[in-house]
Amino acid sequence: MKIVAIVTSYYPDAKNLEYNIKSYLPWIDRLIIWENTPANKSIIEQLIDRLQNDKVEVRTTGKNEYLAFPFNETIRWAQKQGYTHLLTMDQDSYFKEDESNTIYIDKGSVYSSGSIYKTAMFDKIGGFREDFAIYCLDTEICMRARKNGYKIALFTDIYMEHTEG
């Protein structure tokens, strides 16, 4: 398994983002920070200096691309580079250890933050709907995945803290 993660940032608190990234950085092979903050107000370079990790790179268009576009750009890149899985994260999400069980979701959906997708799945179902930008991306991609025969698993032994908004 070869995992690339993407975290989108928009006017992040550098200290919190650093803490959050460090909760999953050891478990992935590559991290793309997609900077949605306008270039003249970005603090991401400071964060990169503090992380000092070869796995991390920053990508941006210099404007707010929301979520769908950065996710799709990362999917295309990841498939060309041979990554088998994509982890999508929000800037305000981090993992903590907990103990529980794995359950499968037959209905409904899961948040995109903290989700891991097989990159090959996107060849069959397509990418994230860019006309949604942010809202309902996770619900729509889950519905399309299930419609195409994929199952959604929720690993309850992994605890993720997520602050919406």
Protein backbone atom coordinates (compact mmCIF):
# COMPACT_ATOMS: atom_id res chain seq x y z
CA MET A 1 0.00 0.00 0.00
CA LYS A 2 1.30 3.43 -0.97
CA ILE A 3 -0.63 6.33 0.55
CA VAL A 4 -0.68 9.97 -0.49
CA ALA A 5 -2.57 12.40 1.74
CA ILE A 6 -3.96 15.79 0.90
CA VAL A 7 -4.82 18.43 3.44
CA THR A 8 -6.45 21.61 2.23
CA SER A 9 -5.66 24.79 4.11
CA TYR A 10 -7.40 28.15 4.16
CA TYR A 11 -6.07 30.78 6.57
CA PRO A 12 -4.92 28.03 8.93
CA ASP A 13 -3.56 28.45 12.41
CA ALA A 14 0.01 27.25 11.78
CA LYS A 15 0.50 25.70 15.21
CA ASN A 16 -2.75 23.71 15.03
CA LEU A 17 -2.11 22.62 11.45
CA GLU A 18 1.37 21.42 12.37
CA TYR A 19 -0.03 19.42 15.30
CA ASN A 20 -2.76 17.93 13.12
CA ILE A 21 -0.37 16.97 10.30
CA LYS A 22 2.00 15.29 12.73
CA SER A 23 -0.83 12.96 13.81
CA TYR A 24 -0.87 11.26 10.40
CA LEU A 25 2.45 12.13 8.74
CA PRO A 26 4.27 9.01 10.05
CA TRP A 27 1.62 6.75 8.50
CA ILE A 28 1.66 8.08 4.92
CA ASP A 29 4.17 8.12 2.10
CA ARG A 30 3.52 11.64 0.79
CA LEU A 31 1.61 14.71 1.97
CA ILE A 32 0.33 17.42 -0.30
CA ILE A 33 -0.74 20.57 1.46
CA TRP A 34 -3.07 22.37 -0.91
CA GLU A 35 -2.89 26.03 0.05
CA ASN A 36 -6.17 27.82 -0.63
CA THR A 37 -5.10 31.00 1.16
CA PRO A 38 -4.10 33.80 -1.25
CA ALA A 39 -0.32 33.72 -1.79
CA ASN A 40 0.33 37.10 -0.19
CA LYS A 41 -1.32 35.96 3.08
CA SER A 42 -0.06 32.38 3.25
CA ILE A 43 1.92 31.13 6.26
CA ILE A 44 2.47 27.63 4.86
CA GLU A 45 6.17 28.13 4.11
CA GLN A 46 6.74 28.73 7.84
CA LEU A 47 4.99 25.45 8.55
CA ILE A 48 7.07 23.57 5.97
CA ASP A 49 10.24 24.89 7.60
CA ARG A 50 9.09 23.63 11.00
CA LEU A 51 8.00 20.20 9.72
CA GLN A 52 11.35 19.55 8.03
CA ASN A 53 10.09 16.46 6.25
CA ASP A 54 10.85 15.31 2.70
CA LYS A 55 7.37 13.78 2.42
CA VAL A 56 5.65 17.18 2.44
CA GLU A 57 5.02 19.50 -0.49
CA VAL A 58 2.80 22.52 -1.06
CA ARG A 59 0.61 23.06 -4.09
CA THR A 60 -1.57 26.05 -4.90
CA THR A 61 -3.08 28.06 -7.70
CA GLY A 62 -2.89 31.20 -5.55
CA LYS A 63 -6.62 31.26 -4.94
CA ASN A 64 -9.27 29.32 -3.03
CA GLU A 65 -10.05 26.16 -5.00
CA TYR A 66 -12.13 24.71 -2.12
CA LEU A 67 -11.93 20.88 -1.93
CA ALA A 68 -13.06 19.08 -5.09
CA PHE A 69 -10.48 20.59 -7.46
CA PRO A 70 -7.48 19.94 -5.16
CA PHE A 71 -8.72 16.40 -4.47
CA ASN A 72 -9.08 15.66 -8.19
CA GLU A 73 -5.67 17.15 -9.03
CA THR A 74 -4.10 15.00 -6.33
CA ILE A 75 -5.92 11.88 -7.55
CA ARG A 76 -4.60 12.37 -11.10
CA TRP A 77 -1.06 12.95 -9.83
CA ALA A 78 -1.24 10.04 -7.37
CA GLN A 79 -2.37 7.57 -10.02
CA LYS A 80 0.50 8.58 -12.32
CA GLN A 81 2.95 8.16 -9.43
CA GLY A 82 1.68 4.72 -8.44
CA TYR A 83 -0.06 5.60 -5.18
CA THR A 84 -2.70 3.03 -4.28
CA HIS A 85 -4.61 5.05 -1.69
CA LEU A 86 -5.62 8.65 -1.04
CA LEU A 87 -6.21 10.08 2.44
CA THR A 88 -8.22 13.32 2.45
CA MET A 89 -7.89 15.61 5.47
CA ASP A 90 -9.14 19.00 6.57
CA GLN A 91 -6.79 21.45 8.24
CA ASP A 92 -8.72 21.13 11.51
CA SER A 93 -8.64 17.32 11.76
CA TYR A 94 -6.23 15.04 13.59
CA PHE A 95 -6.10 11.42 14.74
CA LYS A 96 -6.05 10.13 18.31
CA GLU A 97 -5.81 6.53 19.50
CA ASP A 98 -8.91 4.77 20.75
CA GLU A 99 -10.16 1.17 21.01
CA SER A 100 -13.28 -0.17 19.34
CA ASN A 101 -14.37 -2.20 16.29
CA THR A 102 -14.78 -1.91 12.53
CA ILE A 103 -18.28 -1.48 11.13
CA TYR A 104 -19.52 -1.25 7.57
CA ILE A 105 -21.81 1.53 6.43
CA ASP A 106 -24.59 0.31 4.12
CA LYS A 107 -26.40 3.64 4.02
CA GLY A 108 -25.45 7.24 4.49
CA SER A 109 -21.94 8.54 4.10
CA VAL A 110 -18.78 9.51 5.94
CA TYR A 111 -16.94 12.83 6.07
CA SER A 112 -14.25 13.32 3.46
CA SER A 113 -11.84 14.41 6.20
CA GLY A 114 -10.14 11.27 7.42
CA SER A 115 -11.34 9.14 4.52
CA ILE A 116 -9.06 6.77 2.64
CA TYR A 117 -9.97 5.90 -0.94
CA LYS A 118 -8.46 3.38 -3.32
CA THR A 119 -7.11 5.50 -6.16
CA ALA A 120 -8.21 2.86 -8.70
CA MET A 121 -11.81 3.48 -7.65
CA PHE A 122 -11.74 6.89 -9.32
CA ASP A 123 -11.07 5.24 -12.71
CA LYS A 124 -14.45 3.55 -12.37
CA ILE A 125 -16.58 6.24 -10.68
CA GLY A 126 -14.80 9.46 -11.66
CA GLY A 127 -13.49 12.14 -9.35
CA PHE A 128 -15.14 14.51 -6.92
CA ARG A 129 -17.83 16.76 -8.37
CA GLU A 130 -16.23 20.17 -8.77
CA ASP A 131 -19.59 21.89 -9.06
CA PHE A 132 -20.11 21.01 -5.38
CA ALA A 133 -16.78 22.63 -4.37
CA ILE A 134 -17.14 21.83 -0.64
CA TYR A 135 -20.60 20.85 0.54
CA CYS A 136 -21.99 17.36 -0.09
CA LEU A 137 -18.76 16.11 -1.70
CA ASP A 138 -18.48 13.35 0.84
CA THR A 139 -22.13 12.29 0.59
CA GLU A 140 -22.11 12.31 -3.20
CA ILE A 141 -18.86 10.34 -3.58
CA CYS A 142 -20.10 7.73 -1.06
CA MET A 143 -23.38 7.33 -2.95
CA ARG A 144 -21.56 6.97 -6.27
CA ALA A 145 -19.08 4.49 -4.80
CA ARG A 146 -21.85 2.29 -3.36
CA LYS A 147 -23.80 2.51 -6.64
CA ASN A 148 -20.70 1.08 -8.36
CA GLY A 149 -20.30 -1.83 -5.95
CA TYR A 150 -17.85 -0.37 -3.43
CA LYS A 151 -18.35 -0.76 0.31
CA ILE A 152 -17.71 1.91 2.90
CA ALA A 153 -15.95 0.79 6.07
CA LEU A 154 -15.81 2.81 9.25
CA PHE A 155 -12.87 1.93 11.46
CA THR A 156 -14.03 2.75 14.94
CA ASP A 157 -10.67 1.91 16.52
CA ILE A 158 -9.28 5.09 14.96
CA TYR A 159 -10.46 8.30 16.57
CA MET A 160 -10.30 11.54 14.62
CA GLU A 161 -11.02 14.94 16.07
CA HIS A 162 -12.66 17.25 13.55
CA THR A 163 -13.85 20.82 14.01
CA GLU A 164 -16.37 21.82 11.38
CA GLY A 165 -16.32 25.31 9.98
